[in-house]
Structure formats: structure tokens, C-alpha cells
N, C-alpha and C. Protein backbone atom coordinates (compact mmCIF):
# COMPACT_ATOMS: atom_id res chain seq x y z
N MET A 1 96.54 71.03 114.79
CA MET A 1 96.04 70.49 113.55
C MET A 1 95.60 71.65 112.64
N GLU A 2 95.93 71.53 111.38
CA GLU A 2 95.61 72.55 110.40
C GLU A 2 94.13 72.53 110.04
N HIS A 3 93.53 73.70 109.96
CA HIS A 3 92.12 73.81 109.58
C HIS A 3 91.97 73.32 108.13
N PRO A 4 90.88 72.62 107.81
CA PRO A 4 90.71 72.06 106.47
C PRO A 4 90.71 73.10 105.34
N TYR A 5 90.36 74.34 105.65
CA TYR A 5 90.30 75.36 104.59
C TYR A 5 91.51 76.29 104.57
N TYR A 6 92.47 76.05 105.47
CA TYR A 6 93.63 76.93 105.55
C TYR A 6 94.36 77.03 104.20
N ARG A 7 94.69 75.90 103.62
CA ARG A 7 95.47 75.92 102.37
C ARG A 7 94.69 76.53 101.22
N ASP A 8 93.38 76.30 101.18
CA ASP A 8 92.55 76.94 100.15
C ASP A 8 92.57 78.46 100.32
N ASN A 9 92.43 78.91 101.58
CA ASN A 9 92.48 80.35 101.85
C ASN A 9 93.83 80.94 101.44
N LEU A 10 94.90 80.27 101.83
CA LEU A 10 96.24 80.77 101.52
C LEU A 10 96.45 80.84 100.01
N GLU A 11 96.07 79.81 99.31
CA GLU A 11 96.23 79.79 97.85
C GLU A 11 95.44 80.93 97.21
N ASP A 12 94.22 81.15 97.67
CA ASP A 12 93.39 82.22 97.12
C ASP A 12 93.98 83.60 97.41
N ILE A 13 94.46 83.80 98.63
CA ILE A 13 95.06 85.09 99.00
C ILE A 13 96.29 85.37 98.15
N LEU A 14 97.17 84.38 98.02
CA LEU A 14 98.39 84.57 97.22
C LEU A 14 98.07 84.83 95.75
N ALA A 15 97.06 84.16 95.23
CA ALA A 15 96.65 84.39 93.83
C ALA A 15 96.08 85.80 93.68
N TYR A 16 95.25 86.22 94.62
CA TYR A 16 94.60 87.53 94.57
C TYR A 16 95.64 88.65 94.57
N PHE A 17 96.68 88.47 95.36
CA PHE A 17 97.71 89.50 95.51
C PHE A 17 98.98 89.18 94.70
N ASN A 18 98.87 88.31 93.71
CA ASN A 18 100.00 87.97 92.84
C ASN A 18 101.25 87.57 93.61
N GLY A 19 101.06 86.75 94.64
CA GLY A 19 102.19 86.23 95.40
C GLY A 19 102.71 87.13 96.50
N LYS A 20 102.12 88.29 96.67
CA LYS A 20 102.56 89.21 97.72
C LYS A 20 102.32 88.55 99.08
N ARG A 21 103.32 88.61 99.96
CA ARG A 21 103.24 87.88 101.22
C ARG A 21 102.91 88.76 102.42
N LEU A 22 103.19 90.05 102.38
CA LEU A 22 102.85 90.95 103.48
C LEU A 22 101.72 91.87 103.02
N LEU A 23 100.66 91.92 103.82
CA LEU A 23 99.46 92.64 103.43
C LEU A 23 99.12 93.73 104.44
N THR A 24 98.71 94.88 103.92
CA THR A 24 98.30 95.99 104.78
C THR A 24 96.83 95.84 105.15
N THR A 25 96.43 96.60 106.13
CA THR A 25 95.03 96.59 106.53
C THR A 25 94.13 96.99 105.36
N LYS A 26 94.54 97.99 104.60
CA LYS A 26 93.77 98.44 103.43
C LYS A 26 93.61 97.31 102.41
N GLU A 27 94.66 96.55 102.18
CA GLU A 27 94.58 95.42 101.24
C GLU A 27 93.65 94.33 101.77
N ILE A 28 93.69 94.10 103.06
CA ILE A 28 92.80 93.09 103.65
C ILE A 28 91.34 93.54 103.52
N CYS A 29 91.09 94.84 103.69
CA CYS A 29 89.74 95.38 103.47
C CYS A 29 89.30 95.12 102.04
N GLN A 30 90.18 95.36 101.10
CA GLN A 30 89.88 95.14 99.69
C GLN A 30 89.57 93.66 99.43
N TYR A 31 90.37 92.78 99.99
CA TYR A 31 90.20 91.34 99.77
C TYR A 31 88.90 90.82 100.40
N THR A 32 88.62 91.25 101.63
CA THR A 32 87.46 90.72 102.34
C THR A 32 86.17 91.46 102.03
N GLY A 33 86.29 92.70 101.53
CA GLY A 33 85.10 93.51 101.30
C GLY A 33 84.54 94.10 102.58
N LYS A 34 85.32 94.07 103.63
CA LYS A 34 84.89 94.58 104.94
C LYS A 34 85.48 95.97 105.18
N THR A 35 84.91 96.66 106.16
CA THR A 35 85.38 98.00 106.49
C THR A 35 86.71 97.92 107.26
N TYR A 36 87.39 99.05 107.29
CA TYR A 36 88.64 99.14 108.03
C TYR A 36 88.43 98.76 109.49
N ARG A 37 87.38 99.31 110.11
CA ARG A 37 87.09 99.04 111.52
C ARG A 37 86.84 97.55 111.75
N TRP A 38 86.09 96.90 110.85
CA TRP A 38 85.80 95.47 110.99
C TRP A 38 87.10 94.67 110.95
N VAL A 39 87.96 94.98 109.99
CA VAL A 39 89.23 94.26 109.84
C VAL A 39 90.09 94.44 111.08
N VAL A 40 90.20 95.67 111.58
CA VAL A 40 91.00 95.93 112.77
C VAL A 40 90.44 95.16 113.96
N ASP A 41 89.13 95.19 114.14
CA ASP A 41 88.50 94.51 115.28
C ASP A 41 88.61 93.00 115.20
N HIS A 42 88.37 92.41 114.06
CA HIS A 42 88.32 90.96 113.93
C HIS A 42 89.69 90.30 113.75
N PHE A 43 90.64 91.04 113.23
CA PHE A 43 91.96 90.46 113.01
C PHE A 43 93.01 90.99 113.97
N GLY A 44 92.59 91.87 114.89
CA GLY A 44 93.50 92.37 115.92
C GLY A 44 94.64 93.21 115.38
N LEU A 45 94.38 93.94 114.31
CA LEU A 45 95.43 94.77 113.71
C LEU A 45 95.38 96.17 114.29
N LYS A 46 96.53 96.79 114.33
CA LYS A 46 96.60 98.18 114.73
C LYS A 46 97.11 98.98 113.54
N GLY A 47 96.87 100.26 113.53
CA GLY A 47 97.23 101.11 112.40
C GLY A 47 98.64 100.90 111.90
N GLY A 48 98.77 100.76 110.59
CA GLY A 48 100.08 100.64 109.97
C GLY A 48 100.75 99.28 110.06
N VAL A 49 100.06 98.30 110.63
CA VAL A 49 100.64 96.97 110.80
C VAL A 49 100.34 96.12 109.57
N CYS A 50 101.32 95.38 109.12
CA CYS A 50 101.13 94.42 108.04
C CYS A 50 101.09 93.01 108.65
N ILE A 51 100.35 92.12 107.99
CA ILE A 51 100.38 90.72 108.40
C ILE A 51 100.71 89.87 107.19
N SER A 52 101.21 88.70 107.43
CA SER A 52 101.59 87.81 106.34
C SER A 52 100.34 87.13 105.76
N ALA A 53 100.46 86.70 104.53
CA ALA A 53 99.37 85.97 103.88
C ALA A 53 99.01 84.71 104.67
N PRO A 54 99.99 83.93 105.16
CA PRO A 54 99.63 82.75 105.96
C PRO A 54 98.86 83.11 107.25
N THR A 55 99.22 84.23 107.87
CA THR A 55 98.50 84.65 109.08
C THR A 55 97.06 85.02 108.74
N LEU A 56 96.87 85.74 107.64
CA LEU A 56 95.52 86.09 107.22
C LEU A 56 94.70 84.83 106.92
N ALA A 57 95.31 83.86 106.25
CA ALA A 57 94.61 82.61 105.95
C ALA A 57 94.16 81.91 107.23
N ARG A 58 95.04 81.89 108.22
CA ARG A 58 94.71 81.26 109.50
C ARG A 58 93.60 82.02 110.21
N LYS A 59 93.70 83.36 110.23
CA LYS A 59 92.69 84.17 110.90
C LYS A 59 91.33 84.04 110.23
N LEU A 60 91.30 83.91 108.92
CA LEU A 60 90.03 83.71 108.22
C LEU A 60 89.39 82.39 108.64
N CYS A 61 90.20 81.38 108.86
CA CYS A 61 89.67 80.09 109.33
C CYS A 61 89.10 80.20 110.73
N GLU A 62 89.68 81.04 111.56
CA GLU A 62 89.23 81.20 112.94
C GLU A 62 87.87 81.84 113.04
N ILE A 63 87.49 82.69 112.07
CA ILE A 63 86.21 83.37 112.16
C ILE A 63 85.09 82.64 111.42
N ILE A 64 85.41 81.50 110.82
CA ILE A 64 84.40 80.73 110.11
C ILE A 64 83.50 80.05 111.11
């Protein structure tokens, strides 16, 4: 079942990044206002890895 805020998160992410679908760790830091280490630890990213906007939206719902 889809989290109730998933679509809101996805819409906001896509608007923030002008429709860009693959996001770098640095961009996620910019969007969330969190440090690089926090983003890597909480989203399970490793250096140089990009994630899709839908994945970020889902992961944001998981930490709520």
C-alpha cells in the first residue's frame, strides 16, 4: 500500500528539481537541508550513487 504522503513528496521533489528524475547525494543534501553523512546513513547511499525521485519520495516516507 502506498504511503499517504508519497505522491505529495514526489510532486514536491520533481518541482524542486524542475522534473529531474535522477538525483545525486549532493542534491539530496540540498533538498533536505541535511549533511552528506546524514543522507548517506539514512538513505543507504554510497559515494557517487544517484537515486530516482520516486525512490527518494518513498525513502522520505519511511523516515517519517
